Amino acid sequence: MSDNNSTIDLNGKTVLITGGTGSFGRQFSETLLKRYKLRKLIILSRDEHKQYDMQQSAVFADREELRYFLGDVRDVDRLRMAMRGVDCVVHAAALKHVPAAEYNPFECIRTNVYGAENVISAAIDVGVKKVIALSTDKAVNPINIYGASKLASDKLFVAANTLAGDSPTRFSVVRYGNVLGSRGSIVPLIRRLVEEGCENIPLTDDRMTRFWITLDQGIDFVLSSAEIMKGGEIFVPKVPSMTVVDMMEALAPGVPRQVVGIRPGEKLHELLISEDDTAAVVERDGRYVICPAQDPGVQASHEAEGAIVAPSDFHYASNTNEEWLDGDGLVKLLAQI
């Protein structure tokens, strides 16, 4: 991923993170506390045990700017209360497990879609300045309920800029793929199987490719996107692709692989930008920006700041990506985590 040192200035500001006790939320909170002198950092999540663990950890103990709010994005009244006086909201709360979402579709919709609507309504009502929501590659041409729910969420956050009217609140989305080493990632699974002395590693399909980004890169991308957002954009980082076969060989060299087939709701390759988005895509600062069709001024503003319009046939998929990661590169990235 290309470097971009331009990040939003949050000194003296109040930031709220939904899903703040998750993998992203904890690391994002630690990064903010290291880089900025915040007025307040509000952690909103529905798991009191994770909040307790976070409070007891050395990184977060005795930080006067931290506030812990028990709450659910399904509860708009609680969101309004939590967002009072907040300058910037990072919306990371979601139900993300694909098979669990397939089995519990109503719960997925209540959190990922209705929860997004609640975040938007609360932010507009109390006058939050910036809201940036985390999305996923699975929202592009979705084939499972999780992806469909995140597509709906993305659409809501883009449209929210129009719904906000004269409100100062602006909304944008950050979309990227797999996070190396995060909870639920395939990397910890393969490492655990190797440690347990497995006879083989399950492989869905030997043609499969994936985009990869580290958690720190994802955090930097959120902060730099928040700095340049106008409202209504979907920001997509330029990140490397890797074949799943190369990844498994790097993590479990010499261990046989057993092909088990693609799981329901799983794609052979990942797509971060489809050709249907091309008319509104620009390239700038190590990223692609999908600009909102309903507000041409957003694209014009990015072009005035040096953005380049993408080719008419452009799409961004893991199997046709120009940047690739090999085994040595993967090992080096993992060593940085």
C-alpha atoms as a PDB file:
ATOM      1  CA  MET A   1       0.000   0.000   0.000  1.00  0.00           C
ATOM      2  CA  SER A   2       1.312   3.431  -0.929  1.00  0.00           C
ATOM      3  CA  ASP A   3       2.281   5.752   1.912  1.00  0.00           C
ATOM      4  CA  ASN A   4       0.337   8.908   2.606  1.00  0.00           C
ATOM      5  CA  ASN A   5       1.332  10.975   5.622  1.00  0.00           C
ATOM      6  CA  SER A   6      -1.604  13.399   5.393  1.00  0.00           C
ATOM      7  CA  THR A   7      -3.960  12.446   8.230  1.00  0.00           C
ATOM      8  CA  ILE A   8      -6.783  14.256   9.968  1.00  0.00           C
ATOM      9  CA  ASP A   9      -5.818  16.479  12.916  1.00  0.00           C
ATOM     10  CA  LEU A  10      -7.766  15.225  15.927  1.00  0.00           C
ATOM     11  CA  ASN A  11      -5.923  17.132  18.639  1.00  0.00           C
ATOM     12  CA  GLY A  12      -8.451  18.576  21.074  1.00  0.00           C
ATOM     13  CA  LYS A  13     -11.293  16.656  19.387  1.00  0.00           C
ATOM     14  CA  THR A  14     -13.746  14.072  20.689  1.00  0.00           C
ATOM     15  CA  VAL A  15     -13.869  10.790  18.764  1.00  0.00           C
ATOM     16  CA  LEU A  16     -16.370   7.938  19.117  1.00  0.00           C
ATOM     17  CA  ILE A  17     -15.776   4.407  17.826  1.00  0.00           C
ATOM     18  CA  THR A  18     -18.710   2.017  17.448  1.00  0.00           C
ATOM     19  CA  GLY A  19     -17.587  -1.562  17.964  1.00  0.00           C
ATOM     20  CA  GLY A  20     -14.663  -0.053  19.839  1.00  0.00           C
ATOM     21  CA  THR A  21     -13.628  -3.260  21.631  1.00  0.00           C
ATOM     22  CA  GLY A  22     -13.148  -5.289  18.434  1.00  0.00           C
ATOM     23  CA  SER A  23      -9.830  -5.957  16.677  1.00  0.00           C
ATOM     24  CA  PHE A  24      -9.970  -2.723  14.689  1.00  0.00           C
ATOM     25  CA  GLY A  25     -11.457  -0.657  17.514  1.00  0.00           C
ATOM     26  CA  ARG A  26      -8.779  -1.530  20.066  1.00  0.00           C
ATOM     27  CA  GLN A  27      -5.878  -0.975  17.687  1.00  0.00           C
ATOM     28  CA  PHE A  28      -7.441   2.214  16.353  1.00  0.00           C
ATOM     29  CA  SER A  29      -7.898   3.498  19.914  1.00  0.00           C
ATOM     30  CA  GLU A  30      -4.274   2.748  20.764  1.00  0.00           C
ATOM     31  CA  THR A  31      -3.118   4.579  17.636  1.00  0.00           C
ATOM     32  CA  LEU A  32      -5.224   7.652  18.417  1.00  0.00           C
ATOM     33  CA  LEU A  33      -3.909   7.836  21.979  1.00  0.00           C
ATOM     34  CA  LYS A  34      -0.316   7.660  20.729  1.00  0.00           C
ATOM     35  CA  ARG A  35      -0.681  10.239  17.951  1.00  0.00           C
ATOM     36  CA  TYR A  36      -3.083  12.806  19.326  1.00  0.00           C
ATOM     37  CA  LYS A  37      -4.009  14.674  22.467  1.00  0.00           C
ATOM     38  CA  LEU A  38      -7.727  13.995  22.328  1.00  0.00           C
ATOM     39  CA  ARG A  39     -10.366  15.712  24.394  1.00  0.00           C
ATOM     40  CA  LYS A  40     -12.274  12.443  24.680  1.00  0.00           C
ATOM     41  CA  LEU A  41     -12.167   8.988  23.105  1.00  0.00           C
ATOM     42  CA  ILE A  42     -15.498   7.211  23.478  1.00  0.00           C
ATOM     43  CA  ILE A  43     -15.617   3.424  23.138  1.00  0.00           C
ATOM     44  CA  LEU A  44     -19.122   2.196  22.352  1.00  0.00           C
ATOM     45  CA  SER A  45     -19.795  -1.543  22.357  1.00  0.00           C
ATOM     46  CA  ARG A  46     -22.314  -3.975  23.795  1.00  0.00           C
ATOM     47  CA  ASP A  47     -19.834  -6.365  25.490  1.00  0.00           C
ATOM     48  CA  GLU A  48     -19.096  -5.281  29.061  1.00  0.00           C
ATOM     49  CA  HIS A  49     -16.468  -8.003  29.502  1.00  0.00           C
ATOM     50  CA  LYS A  50     -14.423  -6.745  26.551  1.00  0.00           C
ATOM     51  CA  GLN A  51     -14.740  -3.205  27.882  1.00  0.00           C
ATOM     52  CA  TYR A  52     -13.473  -4.372  31.279  1.00  0.00           C
ATOM     53  CA  ASP A  53     -10.522  -6.171  29.677  1.00  0.00           C
ATOM     54  CA  MET A  54      -9.711  -3.058  27.679  1.00  0.00           C
ATOM     55  CA  GLN A  55      -9.791  -0.856  30.788  1.00  0.00           C
ATOM     56  CA  GLN A  56      -7.455  -3.221  32.633  1.00  0.00           C
ATOM     57  CA  SER A  57      -4.833  -3.467  29.870  1.00  0.00           C
ATOM     58  CA  ALA A  58      -1.619  -1.481  30.318  1.00  0.00           C
ATOM     59  CA  VAL A  59      -2.179   0.470  27.109  1.00  0.00           C
ATOM     60  CA  PHE A  60      -5.538   1.899  28.193  1.00  0.00           C
ATOM     61  CA  ALA A  61      -5.295   2.000  31.977  1.00  0.00           C
ATOM     62  CA  ASP A  62      -5.426   5.440  33.643  1.00  0.00           C
ATOM     63  CA  ARG A  63      -6.198   7.303  30.408  1.00  0.00           C
ATOM     64  CA  GLU A  64      -8.439  10.150  31.527  1.00  0.00           C
ATOM     65  CA  GLU A  65      -9.686  10.891  28.011  1.00  0.00           C
ATOM     66  CA  LEU A  66     -11.228   7.430  27.623  1.00  0.00           C
ATOM     67  CA  ARG A  67     -14.966   6.917  28.093  1.00  0.00           C
ATOM     68  CA  TYR A  68     -16.686   3.543  27.902  1.00  0.00           C
ATOM     69  CA  PHE A  69     -20.318   3.434  26.765  1.00  0.00           C
ATOM     70  CA  LEU A  70     -22.272   0.205  26.899  1.00  0.00           C
ATOM     71  CA  GLY A  71     -24.665   0.351  24.003  1.00  0.00           C
ATOM     72  CA  ASP A  72     -25.803  -1.168  20.731  1.00  0.00           C
ATOM     73  CA  VAL A  73     -26.048   0.480  17.320  1.00  0.00           C
ATOM     74  CA  ARG A  74     -29.574  -0.917  17.205  1.00  0.00           C
ATOM     75  CA  ASP A  75     -30.507   1.648  19.889  1.00  0.00           C
ATOM     76  CA  VAL A  76     -30.724   5.109  18.295  1.00  0.00           C
ATOM     77  CA  ASP A  77     -31.469   6.858  21.600  1.00  0.00           C
ATOM     78  CA  ARG A  78     -28.315   5.456  23.152  1.00  0.00           C
ATOM     79  CA  LEU A  79     -26.338   6.552  20.086  1.00  0.00           C
ATOM     80  CA  ARG A  80     -27.658  10.109  20.391  1.00  0.00           C
ATOM     81  CA  MET A  81     -26.593  10.201  24.019  1.00  0.00           C
ATOM     82  CA  ALA A  82     -23.127   8.801  23.243  1.00  0.00           C
ATOM     83  CA  MET A  83     -22.548  11.208  20.321  1.00  0.00           C
ATOM     84  CA  ARG A  84     -23.257  14.453  22.175  1.00  0.00           C
ATOM     85  CA  GLY A  85     -20.255  16.742  21.725  1.00  0.00           C
ATOM     86  CA  VAL A  86     -18.514  14.288  19.358  1.00  0.00           C
ATOM     87  CA  ASP A  87     -16.520  15.684  16.413  1.00  0.00           C
ATOM     88  CA  CYS A  88     -15.780  12.446  14.528  1.00  0.00           C
ATOM     89  CA  VAL A  89     -17.410   9.003  14.512  1.00  0.00           C
ATOM     90  CA  VAL A  90     -15.729   5.870  13.156  1.00  0.00           C
ATOM     91  CA  HIS A  91     -18.381   3.209  12.608  1.00  0.00           C
ATOM     92  CA  ALA A  92     -16.738  -0.206  12.973  1.00  0.00           C
ATOM     93  CA  ALA A  93     -19.587  -2.158  14.617  1.00  0.00           C
ATOM     94  CA  ALA A  94     -20.973  -4.971  12.462  1.00  0.00           C
ATOM     95  CA  LEU A  95     -21.844  -8.640  12.376  1.00  0.00           C
ATOM     96  CA  LYS A  96     -19.066  -9.935  10.102  1.00  0.00           C
ATOM     97  CA  HIS A  97     -19.048 -13.738  10.230  1.00  0.00           C
ATOM     98  CA  VAL A  98     -20.375 -14.950   6.871  1.00  0.00           C
ATOM     99  CA  PRO A  99     -21.759 -18.392   7.885  1.00  0.00           C
ATOM    100  CA  ALA A 100     -23.296 -16.955  11.093  1.00  0.00           C
ATOM    101  CA  ALA A 101     -24.969 -14.217   9.056  1.00  0.00           C
ATOM    102  CA  GLU A 102     -26.364 -16.785   6.612  1.00  0.00           C
ATOM    103  CA  TYR A 103     -27.894 -18.686   9.524  1.00  0.00           C
ATOM    104  CA  ASN A 104     -29.070 -15.550  11.354  1.00  0.00           C
ATOM    105  CA  PRO A 105     -30.012 -13.156   8.524  1.00  0.00           C
ATOM    106  CA  PHE A 106     -32.476 -11.030  10.511  1.00  0.00           C
ATOM    107  CA  GLU A 107     -29.839 -10.322  13.171  1.00  0.00           C
ATOM    108  CA  CYS A 108     -27.338  -9.381  10.464  1.00  0.00           C
ATOM    109  CA  ILE A 109     -29.786  -6.897   8.931  1.00  0.00           C
ATOM    110  CA  ARG A 110     -30.715  -5.402  12.306  1.00  0.00           C
ATOM    111  CA  THR A 111     -27.093  -4.625  13.146  1.00  0.00           C
ATOM    112  CA  ASN A 112     -25.542  -3.884   9.763  1.00  0.00           C
ATOM    113  CA  VAL A 113     -28.422  -2.048   8.052  1.00  0.00           C
ATOM    114  CA  TYR A 114     -30.704  -0.693  10.768  1.00  0.00           C
ATOM    115  CA  GLY A 115     -27.611   0.020  12.865  1.00  0.00           C
ATOM    116  CA  ALA A 116     -26.159   2.099  10.018  1.00  0.00           C
ATOM    117  CA  GLU A 117     -29.429   4.024   9.769  1.00  0.00           C
ATOM    118  CA  ASN A 118     -29.301   4.713  13.502  1.00  0.00           C
ATOM    119  CA  VAL A 119     -25.694   5.947  13.361  1.00  0.00           C
ATOM    120  CA  ILE A 120     -26.661   8.314  10.532  1.00  0.00           C
ATOM    121  CA  SER A 121     -29.765   9.636  12.295  1.00  0.00           C
ATOM    122  CA  ALA A 122     -27.980  10.175  15.610  1.00  0.00           C
ATOM    123  CA  ALA A 123     -24.994  11.902  13.981  1.00  0.00           C
ATOM    124  CA  ILE A 124     -27.234  14.321  12.069  1.00  0.00           C
ATOM    125  CA  ASP A 125     -29.400  15.005  15.121  1.00  0.00           C
ATOM    126  CA  VAL A 126     -26.475  16.014  17.361  1.00  0.00           C
ATOM    127  CA  GLY A 127     -24.323  17.667  14.664  1.00  0.00           C
ATOM    128  CA  VAL A 128     -21.282  15.377  14.434  1.00  0.00           C
ATOM    129  CA  LYS A 129     -18.890  16.845  11.833  1.00  0.00           C
ATOM    130  CA  LYS A 130     -17.481  13.690  10.224  1.00  0.00           C
ATOM    131  CA  VAL A 131     -18.618  10.065  10.130  1.00  0.00           C
ATOM    132  CA  ILE A 132     -16.551   7.412   8.384  1.00  0.00           C
ATOM    133  CA  ALA A 133     -17.880   3.855   8.117  1.00  0.00           C
ATOM    134  CA  LEU A 134     -15.883   0.683   7.588  1.00  0.00           C
ATOM    135  CA  SER A 135     -16.969  -1.563   4.725  1.00  0.00           C
ATOM    136  CA  THR A 136     -15.723  -4.718   3.014  1.00  0.00           C
ATOM    137  CA  ASP A 137     -14.954  -6.161  -0.414  1.00  0.00           C
ATOM    138  CA  LYS A 138     -17.960  -8.443   0.132  1.00  0.00           C
ATOM    139  CA  ALA A 139     -20.238  -5.423  -0.425  1.00  0.00           C
ATOM    140  CA  VAL A 140     -19.248  -5.422  -4.128  1.00  0.00           C
ATOM    141  CA  ASN A 141     -21.553  -7.657  -6.203  1.00  0.00           C
ATOM    142  CA  PRO A 142     -22.566  -9.471  -2.980  1.00  0.00           C
ATOM    143  CA  ILE A 143     -23.412 -13.165  -2.964  1.00  0.00           C
ATOM    144  CA  ASN A 144     -24.097 -13.562   0.784  1.00  0.00           C
ATOM    145  CA  ILE A 145     -26.289 -11.773   3.323  1.00  0.00           C
ATOM    146  CA  TYR A 146     -23.289 -10.171   5.031  1.00  0.00           C
ATOM    147  CA  GLY A 147     -22.141  -8.598   1.763  1.00  0.00           C
ATOM    148  CA  ALA A 148     -25.686  -7.544   0.887  1.00  0.00           C
ATOM    149  CA  SER A 149     -26.105  -5.907   4.296  1.00  0.00           C
ATOM    150  CA  LYS A 150     -22.842  -3.996   3.921  1.00  0.00           C
ATOM    151  CA  LEU A 151     -23.807  -2.885   0.413  1.00  0.00           C
ATOM    152  CA  ALA A 152     -27.034  -1.501   1.867  1.00  0.00           C
ATOM    153  CA  SER A 153     -25.034   0.148   4.659  1.00  0.00           C
ATOM    154  CA  ASP A 154     -22.646   1.749   2.149  1.00  0.00           C
ATOM    155  CA  LYS A 155     -25.585   3.093   0.146  1.00  0.00           C
ATOM    156  CA  LEU A 156     -27.099   4.567   3.307  1.00  0.00           C
ATOM    157  CA  PHE A 157     -23.899   6.363   4.281  1.00  0.00           C
ATOM    158  CA  VAL A 158     -23.428   7.786   0.779  1.00  0.00           C
ATOM    159  CA  ALA A 159     -27.053   8.966   0.624  1.00  0.00           C
ATOM    160  CA  ALA A 160     -26.820  10.381   4.155  1.00  0.00           C
ATOM    161  CA  ASN A 161     -24.998  13.449   2.830  1.00  0.00           C
ATOM    162  CA  THR A 162     -28.124  14.412   0.920  1.00  0.00           C
ATOM    163  CA  LEU A 163     -30.394  13.523   3.816  1.00  0.00           C
ATOM    164  CA  ALA A 164     -28.323  15.712   6.140  1.00  0.00           C
ATOM    165  CA  GLY A 165     -29.527  18.856   4.318  1.00  0.00           C
ATOM    166  CA  ASP A 166     -28.153  21.936   6.076  1.00  0.00           C
ATOM    167  CA  SER A 167     -26.576  19.854   8.840  1.00  0.00           C
ATOM    168  CA  PRO A 168     -22.757  20.095   8.942  1.00  0.00           C
ATOM    169  CA  THR A 169     -22.473  16.309   9.196  1.00  0.00           C
ATOM    170  CA  ARG A 170     -20.612  14.569   6.372  1.00  0.00           C
ATOM    171  CA  PHE A 171     -20.424  10.815   5.757  1.00  0.00           C
ATOM    172  CA  SER A 172     -17.931   8.650   3.840  1.00  0.00           C
ATOM    173  CA  VAL A 173     -17.003   4.968   3.619  1.00  0.00           C
ATOM    174  CA  VAL A 174     -13.689   3.097   3.707  1.00  0.00           C
ATOM    175  CA  ARG A 175     -13.643  -0.275   1.907  1.00  0.00           C
ATOM    176  CA  TYR A 176     -10.865  -2.863   2.010  1.00  0.00           C
ATOM    177  CA  GLY A 177     -10.403  -6.643   2.063  1.00  0.00           C
ATOM    178  CA  ASN A 178      -8.719  -9.129   4.382  1.00  0.00           C
ATOM    179  CA  VAL A 179      -6.795  -7.849   7.387  1.00  0.00           C
ATOM    180  CA  LEU A 180      -3.649  -9.846   8.108  1.00  0.00           C
ATOM    181  CA  GLY A 181      -3.653 -11.472  11.525  1.00  0.00           C
ATOM    182  CA  SER A 182      -7.041 -10.093  12.610  1.00  0.00           C
ATOM    183  CA  ARG A 183      -9.533 -12.171  14.543  1.00  0.00           C
ATOM    184  CA  GLY A 184     -11.243 -14.487  12.074  1.00  0.00           C
ATOM    185  CA  SER A 185      -8.383 -14.232   9.557  1.00  0.00           C
ATOM    186  CA  ILE A 186      -7.114 -17.398   7.890  1.00  0.00           C
ATOM    187  CA  VAL A 187      -3.551 -16.652   9.058  1.00  0.00           C
ATOM    188  CA  PRO A 188      -4.085 -17.522  12.767  1.00  0.00           C
ATOM    189  CA  LEU A 189      -5.994 -20.641  11.685  1.00  0.00           C
ATOM    190  CA  ILE A 190      -3.133 -21.936   9.538  1.00  0.00           C
ATOM    191  CA  ARG A 191      -0.591 -21.165  12.259  1.00  0.00           C
ATOM    192  CA  ARG A 192      -2.659 -23.043  14.832  1.00  0.00           C
ATOM    193  CA  LEU A 193      -2.998 -26.072  12.538  1.00  0.00           C
ATOM    194  CA  VAL A 194       0.771 -26.142  12.008  1.00  0.00           C
ATOM    195  CA  GLU A 195       1.430 -25.876  15.751  1.00  0.00           C
ATOM    196  CA  GLU A 196      -0.941 -28.789  16.336  1.00  0.00           C
ATOM    197  CA  GLY A 197       0.992 -30.902  13.821  1.00  0.00           C
ATOM    198  CA  CYS A 198      -1.765 -31.231  11.234  1.00  0.00           C
ATOM    199  CA  GLU A 199      -1.331 -33.694   8.365  1.00  0.00           C
ATOM    200  CA  ASN A 200      -2.725 -31.259   5.790  1.00  0.00           C
ATOM    201  CA  ILE A 201      -4.118 -27.734   5.387  1.00  0.00           C
ATOM    202  CA  PRO A 202      -7.679 -27.312   4.027  1.00  0.00           C
ATOM    203  CA  LEU A 203      -7.684 -25.359   0.752  1.00  0.00           C
ATOM    204  CA  THR A 204     -10.932 -24.167  -0.787  1.00  0.00           C
ATOM    205  CA  ASP A 205      -9.665 -23.721  -4.368  1.00  0.00           C
ATOM    206  CA  ASP A 206      -6.115 -23.488  -5.711  1.00  0.00           C
ATOM    207  CA  ARG A 207      -7.109 -20.639  -8.069  1.00  0.00           C
ATOM    208  CA  MET A 208      -8.267 -18.369  -5.246  1.00  0.00           C
ATOM    209  CA  THR A 209      -6.723 -14.908  -4.749  1.00  0.00           C
ATOM    210  CA  ARG A 210      -7.165 -12.325  -2.016  1.00  0.00           C
ATOM    211  CA  PHE A 211      -6.297  -8.687  -1.253  1.00  0.00           C
ATOM    212  CA  TRP A 212      -4.259  -8.187   1.931  1.00  0.00           C
ATOM    213  CA  ILE A 213      -3.795  -5.226   4.248  1.00  0.00           C
ATOM    214  CA  THR A 214      -2.368  -4.987   7.764  1.00  0.00           C
ATOM    215  CA  LEU A 215      -4.395  -3.552  10.625  1.00  0.00           C
ATOM    216  CA  ASP A 216      -1.994  -0.623  10.970  1.00  0.00           C
ATOM    217  CA  GLN A 217      -2.301   0.128   7.252  1.00  0.00           C
ATOM    218  CA  GLY A 218      -6.081   0.028   7.563  1.00  0.00           C
ATOM    219  CA  ILE A 219      -5.975   2.476  10.464  1.00  0.00           C
ATOM    220  CA  ASP A 220      -3.680   4.870   8.604  1.00  0.00           C
ATOM    221  CA  PHE A 221      -5.997   4.637   5.616  1.00  0.00           C
ATOM    222  CA  VAL A 222      -9.049   5.547   7.690  1.00  0.00           C
ATOM    223  CA  LEU A 223      -7.270   8.586   9.153  1.00  0.00           C
ATOM    224  CA  SER A 224      -5.941   9.842   5.820  1.00  0.00           C
ATOM    225  CA  SER A 225      -9.327   9.302   4.139  1.00  0.00           C
ATOM    226  CA  ALA A 226     -11.040  11.248   6.932  1.00  0.00           C
ATOM    227  CA  GLU A 227      -8.694  14.151   6.176  1.00  0.00           C
ATOM    228  CA  ILE A 228      -9.550  14.418   2.467  1.00  0.00           C
ATOM    229  CA  MET A 229     -13.243  13.388   2.539  1.00  0.00           C
ATOM    230  CA  LYS A 230     -15.799  15.802   1.113  1.00  0.00           C
ATOM    231  CA  GLY A 231     -18.812  13.591   1.830  1.00  0.00           C
ATOM    232  CA  GLY A 232     -20.291  10.627  -0.044  1.00  0.00           C
ATOM    233  CA  GLU A 233     -17.061   8.947  -1.188  1.00  0.00           C
ATOM    234  CA  ILE A 234     -16.108   5.291  -0.873  1.00  0.00           C
ATOM    235  CA  PHE A 235     -12.335   5.117  -0.368  1.00  0.00           C
ATOM    236  CA  VAL A 236     -10.456   2.000  -1.528  1.00  0.00           C
ATOM    237  CA  PRO A 237      -6.727   1.520  -0.761  1.00  0.00           C
ATOM    238  CA  LYS A 238      -4.190   0.264  -3.272  1.00  0.00           C
ATOM    239  CA  VAL A 239      -3.076  -3.002  -1.690  1.00  0.00           C
ATOM    240  CA  PRO A 240      -1.305  -6.143  -2.949  1.00  0.00           C
ATOM    241  CA  SER A 241      -2.939  -9.409  -3.950  1.00  0.00           C
ATOM    242  CA  MET A 242      -1.728 -12.895  -3.147  1.00  0.00           C
ATOM    243  CA  THR A 243      -2.749 -16.373  -4.206  1.00  0.00           C
ATOM    244  CA  VAL A 244      -4.046 -18.490  -1.350  1.00  0.00           C
ATOM    245  CA  VAL A 245      -1.657 -21.266  -2.431  1.00  0.00           C
ATOM    246  CA  ASP A 246       1.374 -18.955  -2.047  1.00  0.00           C
ATOM    247  CA  MET A 247       0.080 -17.794   1.328  1.00  0.00           C
ATOM    248  CA  MET A 248      -0.279 -21.352   2.611  1.00  0.00           C
ATOM    249  CA  GLU A 249       3.171 -22.326   1.343  1.00  0.00           C
ATOM    250  CA  ALA A 250       4.683 -19.327   3.152  1.00  0.00           C
ATOM    251  CA  LEU A 251       2.910 -20.116   6.441  1.00  0.00           C
ATOM    252  CA  ALA A 252       3.063 -23.915   6.255  1.00  0.00           C
ATOM    253  CA  PRO A 253       5.972 -24.852   3.962  1.00  0.00           C
ATOM    254  CA  GLY A 254       5.897 -28.444   2.839  1.00  0.00           C
ATOM    255  CA  VAL A 255       2.555 -29.254   4.498  1.00  0.00           C
ATOM    256  CA  PRO A 256       0.180 -30.955   2.030  1.00  0.00           C
ATOM    257  CA  ARG A 257      -3.024 -29.143   1.077  1.00  0.00           C
ATOM    258  CA  GLN A 258      -6.432 -30.785   0.824  1.00  0.00           C
ATOM    259  CA  VAL A 259      -8.926 -29.165  -1.542  1.00  0.00           C
ATOM    260  CA  VAL A 260     -12.288 -28.898   0.229  1.00  0.00           C
ATOM    261  CA  GLY A 261     -14.196 -26.619  -2.163  1.00  0.00           C
ATOM    262  CA  ILE A 262     -15.493 -23.075  -1.890  1.00  0.00           C
ATOM    263  CA  ARG A 263     -17.822 -22.492   1.053  1.00  0.00           C
ATOM    264  CA  PRO A 264     -21.358 -21.145   0.519  1.00  0.00           C
ATOM    265  CA  GLY A 265     -21.218 -17.379   0.050  1.00  0.00           C
ATOM    266  CA  GLU A 266     -17.488 -17.358  -0.744  1.00  0.00           C
ATOM    267  CA  LYS A 267     -15.918 -15.878  -3.896  1.00  0.00           C
ATOM    268  CA  LEU A 268     -13.006 -17.180  -5.940  1.00  0.00           C
ATOM    269  CA  HIS A 269     -11.542 -13.670  -6.270  1.00  0.00           C
ATOM    270  CA  GLU A 270     -12.209 -10.456  -4.403  1.00  0.00           C
ATOM    271  CA  LEU A 271     -13.605  -7.346  -6.041  1.00  0.00           C
ATOM    272  CA  LEU A 272     -13.157  -3.931  -4.439  1.00  0.00           C
ATOM    273  CA  ILE A 273     -14.401  -1.823  -7.370  1.00  0.00           C
ATOM    274  CA  SER A 274     -16.666  -3.076 -10.139  1.00  0.00           C
ATOM    275  CA  GLU A 275     -16.831  -1.735 -13.688  1.00  0.00           C
ATOM    276  CA  ASP A 276     -20.242  -0.293 -12.816  1.00  0.00           C
ATOM    277  CA  ASP A 277     -18.456   2.208 -10.531  1.00  0.00           C
ATOM    278  CA  THR A 278     -15.931   3.322 -13.153  1.00  0.00           C
ATOM    279  CA  ALA A 279     -17.679   6.523 -14.262  1.00  0.00           C
ATOM    280  CA  ALA A 280     -17.242   7.941 -10.772  1.00  0.00           C
ATOM    281  CA  VAL A 281     -13.774   6.596  -9.811  1.00  0.00           C
ATOM    282  CA  VAL A 282     -10.678   8.758  -9.394  1.00  0.00           C
ATOM    283  CA  GLU A 283      -7.179   7.851  -8.274  1.00  0.00           C
ATOM    284  CA  ARG A 284      -5.229   9.869  -5.707  1.00  0.00           C
ATOM    285  CA  ASP A 285      -2.785   9.501  -2.802  1.00  0.00           C
ATOM    286  CA  GLY A 286      -2.392   5.725  -2.831  1.00  0.00           C
ATOM    287  CA  ARG A 287      -6.115   5.053  -3.176  1.00  0.00           C
ATOM    288  CA  TYR A 288      -9.111   4.941  -5.452  1.00  0.00           C
ATOM    289  CA  VAL A 289     -12.098   7.137  -4.648  1.00  0.00           C
ATOM    290  CA  ILE A 290     -15.612   6.191  -5.767  1.00  0.00           C
ATOM    291  CA  CYS A 291     -17.336   9.565  -5.904  1.00  0.00           C
ATOM    292  CA  PRO A 292     -21.107   9.971  -5.377  1.00  0.00           C
ATOM    293  CA  ALA A 293     -23.058  10.315  -8.623  1.00  0.00           C
ATOM    294  CA  GLN A 294     -25.621  12.566  -6.955  1.00  0.00           C
ATOM    295  CA  ASP A 295     -23.006  15.206  -6.143  1.00  0.00           C
ATOM    296  CA  PRO A 296     -20.651  15.890  -9.111  1.00  0.00           C
ATOM    297  CA  GLY A 297     -18.924  18.566  -7.056  1.00  0.00           C
ATOM    298  CA  VAL A 298     -17.211  15.900  -4.955  1.00  0.00           C
ATOM    299  CA  GLN A 299     -15.390  14.417  -7.957  1.00  0.00           C
ATOM    300  CA  ALA A 300     -14.544  17.902  -9.253  1.00  0.00           C
ATOM    301  CA  SER A 301     -13.072  18.798  -5.862  1.00  0.00           C
ATOM    302  CA  HIS A 302     -10.838  15.711  -5.815  1.00  0.00           C
ATOM    303  CA  GLU A 303      -9.708  16.379  -9.393  1.00  0.00           C
ATOM    304  CA  ALA A 304      -8.829  19.961  -8.402  1.00  0.00           C
ATOM    305  CA  GLU A 305      -6.566  18.448  -5.728  1.00  0.00           C
ATOM    306  CA  GLY A 306      -4.720  16.286  -8.256  1.00  0.00           C
ATOM    307  CA  ALA A 307      -6.908  13.200  -8.588  1.00  0.00           C
ATOM    308  CA  ILE A 308      -6.858  11.360 -11.943  1.00  0.00           C
ATOM    309  CA  VAL A 309     -10.021   9.913 -13.490  1.00  0.00           C
ATOM    310  CA  ALA A 310      -9.906   6.109 -13.860  1.00  0.00           C
ATOM    311  CA  PRO A 311     -10.120   4.501 -17.354  1.00  0.00           C
ATOM    312  CA  SER A 312     -13.594   3.689 -18.669  1.00  0.00           C
ATOM    313  CA  ASP A 313     -13.062  -0.096 -18.355  1.00  0.00           C
ATOM    314  CA  PHE A 314     -11.433   0.039 -14.911  1.00  0.00           C
ATOM    315  CA  HIS A 315     -12.207  -2.462 -12.175  1.00  0.00           C
ATOM    316  CA  TYR A 316     -10.194  -3.512  -9.135  1.00  0.00           C
ATOM    317  CA  ALA A 317     -10.065  -7.258  -8.498  1.00  0.00           C
ATOM    318  CA  SER A 318      -7.592  -9.450  -6.629  1.00  0.00           C
ATOM    319  CA  ASN A 319      -6.844 -11.655  -9.649  1.00  0.00           C
ATOM    320  CA  THR A 320      -6.105  -8.759 -12.072  1.00  0.00           C
ATOM    321  CA  ASN A 321      -4.307  -6.494  -9.591  1.00  0.00           C
ATOM    322  CA  GLU A 322      -0.968  -5.012 -10.713  1.00  0.00           C
ATOM    323  CA  GLU A 323       0.627  -5.344  -7.257  1.00  0.00           C
ATOM    324  CA  TRP A 324       1.363  -8.808  -5.858  1.00  0.00           C
ATOM    325  CA  LEU A 325       2.694 -10.176  -2.583  1.00  0.00           C
ATOM    326  CA  ASP A 326       5.007 -13.202  -2.492  1.00  0.00           C
ATOM    327  CA  GLY A 327       5.821 -15.504   0.406  1.00  0.00           C
ATOM    328  CA  ASP A 328       8.790 -13.459   1.622  1.00  0.00           C
ATOM    329  CA  GLY A 329       6.725 -10.279   1.481  1.00  0.00           C
ATOM    330  CA  LEU A 330       3.968 -11.908   3.528  1.00  0.00           C
ATOM    331  CA  VAL A 331       6.412 -13.068   6.197  1.00  0.00           C
ATOM    332  CA  LYS A 332       7.877  -9.560   6.429  1.00  0.00           C
ATOM    333  CA  LEU A 333       4.424  -8.017   6.801  1.00  0.00           C
ATOM    334  CA  LEU A 334       3.466 -10.494   9.524  1.00  0.00           C
ATOM    335  CA  ALA A 335       6.679  -9.719  11.383  1.00  0.00           C
ATOM    336  CA  GLN A 336       5.556  -6.077  11.631  1.00  0.00           C
ATOM    337  CA  ILE A 337       2.252  -6.997  13.298  1.00  0.00           C
END
